[in-house]
Amino acid sequence: MNEDKILQIIPAPAHLEYVYEDGGKARHVTCLALVELSNGDREVRAMGITNSEIIEDLSGSGALLID
């Protein structure tokens, strides 16, 4: 079971975007989340709006960050 927990959310820099590996239009990263993993480690993850309605973690979706 995934026990990752979001500790803090901050707005993403205005120039940070993502695009999926198969191409398509670049989209703005909505926010950055400080996440505590189930093993106690912490990492920052990019979050973006997908399907025009849901904010999701982009790290496991095949999205590439571009600057």
N, C-alpha and C. Protein backbone atom coordinates (compact mmCIF):
# COMPACT_ATOMS: atom_id res chain seq x y z
N MET A 1 0.84 -1.17 0.00
CA MET A 1 0.00 0.00 0.00
C MET A 1 0.89 1.25 0.00
N ASN A 2 0.53 2.24 -0.80
CA ASN A 2 1.28 3.48 -0.93
C ASN A 2 0.92 4.41 0.22
N GLU A 3 1.89 4.70 1.08
CA GLU A 3 1.66 5.57 2.23
C GLU A 3 2.34 6.92 2.06
N ASP A 4 2.61 7.35 0.84
CA ASP A 4 3.21 8.66 0.61
C ASP A 4 2.25 9.73 1.09
N LYS A 5 2.82 10.80 1.68
CA LYS A 5 1.98 11.85 2.26
C LYS A 5 2.50 13.21 1.81
N ILE A 6 1.62 14.04 1.29
CA ILE A 6 1.98 15.40 0.92
C ILE A 6 2.09 16.24 2.19
N LEU A 7 3.27 16.87 2.38
CA LEU A 7 3.50 17.70 3.55
C LEU A 7 3.27 19.18 3.29
N GLN A 8 3.62 19.61 2.06
CA GLN A 8 3.50 21.03 1.74
C GLN A 8 3.30 21.19 0.23
N ILE A 9 2.53 22.19 -0.16
CA ILE A 9 2.31 22.50 -1.57
C ILE A 9 2.67 23.97 -1.78
N ILE A 10 3.43 24.23 -2.87
CA ILE A 10 3.77 25.61 -3.23
C ILE A 10 3.50 25.80 -4.72
N PRO A 11 3.25 27.03 -5.14
CA PRO A 11 3.04 27.28 -6.58
C PRO A 11 4.30 26.95 -7.36
N ALA A 12 4.13 26.46 -8.56
CA ALA A 12 5.27 26.15 -9.43
C ALA A 12 5.78 27.44 -10.06
N PRO A 13 7.08 27.48 -10.41
CA PRO A 13 7.59 28.64 -11.14
C PRO A 13 6.81 28.83 -12.44
N ALA A 14 6.62 30.06 -12.84
CA ALA A 14 5.78 30.38 -14.01
C ALA A 14 6.28 29.74 -15.30
N HIS A 15 7.57 29.49 -15.43
CA HIS A 15 8.14 28.96 -16.67
C HIS A 15 8.20 27.42 -16.71
N LEU A 16 7.83 26.74 -15.64
CA LEU A 16 7.96 25.29 -15.58
C LEU A 16 6.76 24.61 -16.27
N GLU A 17 7.05 23.78 -17.24
CA GLU A 17 6.01 23.09 -18.01
C GLU A 17 6.32 21.60 -18.09
N TYR A 18 5.32 20.83 -18.54
CA TYR A 18 5.52 19.40 -18.77
C TYR A 18 4.90 19.01 -20.10
N VAL A 19 5.40 17.94 -20.65
CA VAL A 19 4.87 17.38 -21.89
C VAL A 19 4.99 15.86 -21.77
N TYR A 20 4.06 15.14 -22.37
CA TYR A 20 4.13 13.69 -22.34
C TYR A 20 5.11 13.18 -23.38
N GLU A 21 5.72 12.03 -23.12
CA GLU A 21 6.74 11.46 -23.99
C GLU A 21 6.28 11.29 -25.44
N ASP A 22 5.00 11.06 -25.65
CA ASP A 22 4.49 10.85 -27.00
C ASP A 22 4.21 12.17 -27.73
N GLY A 23 4.62 13.27 -27.14
CA GLY A 23 4.43 14.58 -27.78
C GLY A 23 3.21 15.28 -27.25
N GLY A 24 2.73 16.21 -28.02
CA GLY A 24 1.56 16.97 -27.60
C GLY A 24 1.95 18.35 -27.11
N LYS A 25 0.97 19.06 -26.65
CA LYS A 25 1.14 20.44 -26.22
C LYS A 25 1.77 20.51 -24.83
N ALA A 26 2.72 21.42 -24.65
CA ALA A 26 3.31 21.65 -23.33
C ALA A 26 2.27 22.30 -22.43
N ARG A 27 2.24 21.89 -21.18
CA ARG A 27 1.27 22.42 -20.21
C ARG A 27 2.01 22.91 -18.97
N HIS A 28 1.42 23.89 -18.31
CA HIS A 28 2.02 24.49 -17.12
C HIS A 28 1.93 23.53 -15.93
N VAL A 29 3.02 23.41 -15.18
CA VAL A 29 3.00 22.66 -13.92
C VAL A 29 2.23 23.52 -12.92
N THR A 30 1.23 22.94 -12.28
CA THR A 30 0.34 23.68 -11.38
C THR A 30 1.02 24.03 -10.06
N CYS A 31 1.67 23.05 -9.45
CA CYS A 31 2.31 23.28 -8.16
C CYS A 31 3.40 22.24 -7.93
N LEU A 32 4.19 22.48 -6.91
CA LEU A 32 5.20 21.52 -6.47
C LEU A 32 4.79 21.04 -5.08
N ALA A 33 4.95 19.75 -4.85
CA ALA A 33 4.55 19.18 -3.56
C ALA A 33 5.74 18.54 -2.88
N LEU A 34 5.96 18.86 -1.61
CA LEU A 34 6.94 18.16 -0.79
C LEU A 34 6.25 16.92 -0.26
N VAL A 35 6.78 15.76 -0.62
CA VAL A 35 6.13 14.48 -0.29
C VAL A 35 7.03 13.66 0.62
N GLU A 36 6.45 13.13 1.69
CA GLU A 36 7.18 12.19 2.54
C GLU A 36 6.81 10.78 2.09
N LEU A 37 7.82 10.02 1.68
CA LEU A 37 7.60 8.66 1.21
C LEU A 37 7.39 7.71 2.38
N SER A 38 6.88 6.54 2.11
CA SER A 38 6.58 5.57 3.16
C SER A 38 7.83 5.15 3.94
N ASN A 39 9.02 5.28 3.33
CA ASN A 39 10.26 4.91 4.02
C ASN A 39 10.87 6.08 4.79
N GLY A 40 10.20 7.24 4.80
CA GLY A 40 10.66 8.41 5.54
C GLY A 40 11.43 9.42 4.71
N ASP A 41 11.87 9.04 3.51
CA ASP A 41 12.56 9.98 2.62
C ASP A 41 11.57 11.04 2.16
N ARG A 42 12.12 12.18 1.75
CA ARG A 42 11.28 13.26 1.23
C ARG A 42 11.75 13.64 -0.17
N GLU A 43 10.80 14.03 -1.02
CA GLU A 43 11.13 14.49 -2.36
C GLU A 43 10.11 15.51 -2.82
N VAL A 44 10.53 16.31 -3.80
CA VAL A 44 9.63 17.31 -4.38
C VAL A 44 9.09 16.73 -5.68
N ARG A 45 7.77 16.80 -5.85
CA ARG A 45 7.12 16.27 -7.05
C ARG A 45 6.33 17.37 -7.74
N ALA A 46 6.36 17.33 -9.06
CA ALA A 46 5.58 18.27 -9.86
C ALA A 46 4.15 17.75 -9.98
N MET A 47 3.19 18.66 -9.87
CA MET A 47 1.79 18.32 -9.99
C MET A 47 1.19 19.12 -11.14
N GLY A 48 0.31 18.50 -11.92
CA GLY A 48 -0.29 19.19 -13.05
C GLY A 48 -1.75 18.81 -13.22
N ILE A 49 -2.47 19.65 -13.92
CA ILE A 49 -3.88 19.38 -14.20
C ILE A 49 -3.97 18.44 -15.39
N THR A 50 -4.64 17.33 -15.21
CA THR A 50 -4.84 16.36 -16.29
C THR A 50 -6.32 16.23 -16.58
N ASN A 51 -6.66 15.88 -17.77
CA ASN A 51 -8.06 15.74 -18.18
C ASN A 51 -8.88 16.98 -17.87
N SER A 52 -8.22 18.12 -17.85
CA SER A 52 -8.86 19.43 -17.64
C SER A 52 -9.60 19.56 -16.31
N GLU A 53 -9.28 18.69 -15.33
CA GLU A 53 -10.02 18.81 -14.08
C GLU A 53 -9.31 18.27 -12.85
N ILE A 54 -8.38 17.36 -12.98
CA ILE A 54 -7.79 16.69 -11.83
C ILE A 54 -6.32 17.08 -11.69
N ILE A 55 -5.90 17.47 -10.48
CA ILE A 55 -4.48 17.73 -10.23
C ILE A 55 -3.85 16.42 -9.80
N GLU A 56 -2.83 15.99 -10.58
CA GLU A 56 -2.19 14.69 -10.32
C GLU A 56 -0.68 14.83 -10.25
N ASP A 57 -0.06 13.88 -9.58
CA ASP A 57 1.39 13.76 -9.52
C ASP A 57 1.87 13.36 -10.91
N LEU A 58 2.77 14.13 -11.48
CA LEU A 58 3.25 13.86 -12.84
C LEU A 58 4.40 12.86 -12.89
N SER A 59 4.96 12.50 -11.73
CA SER A 59 6.16 11.66 -11.72
C SER A 59 5.93 10.26 -12.27
N GLY A 60 4.74 9.72 -12.15
CA GLY A 60 4.48 8.36 -12.62
C GLY A 60 3.64 8.29 -13.88
N SER A 61 3.44 9.44 -14.52
CA SER A 61 2.51 9.46 -15.67
C SER A 61 3.18 9.51 -17.02
N GLY A 62 4.52 9.46 -17.05
CA GLY A 62 5.22 9.54 -18.32
C GLY A 62 5.44 10.96 -18.80
N ALA A 63 5.21 11.94 -17.93
CA ALA A 63 5.40 13.34 -18.30
C ALA A 63 6.87 13.74 -18.10
N LEU A 64 7.36 14.60 -18.98
CA LEU A 64 8.71 15.12 -18.89
C LEU A 64 8.63 16.61 -18.56
N LEU A 65 9.45 17.05 -17.58
CA LEU A 65 9.47 18.46 -17.24
C LEU A 65 10.35 19.19 -18.24
N ILE A 66 9.92 20.37 -18.67
CA ILE A 66 10.71 21.20 -19.57
C ILE A 66 10.77 22.60 -19.00
N ASP A 67 11.86 23.28 -19.28
CA ASP A 67 12.07 24.61 -18.73
C ASP A 67 12.29 25.60 -19.85
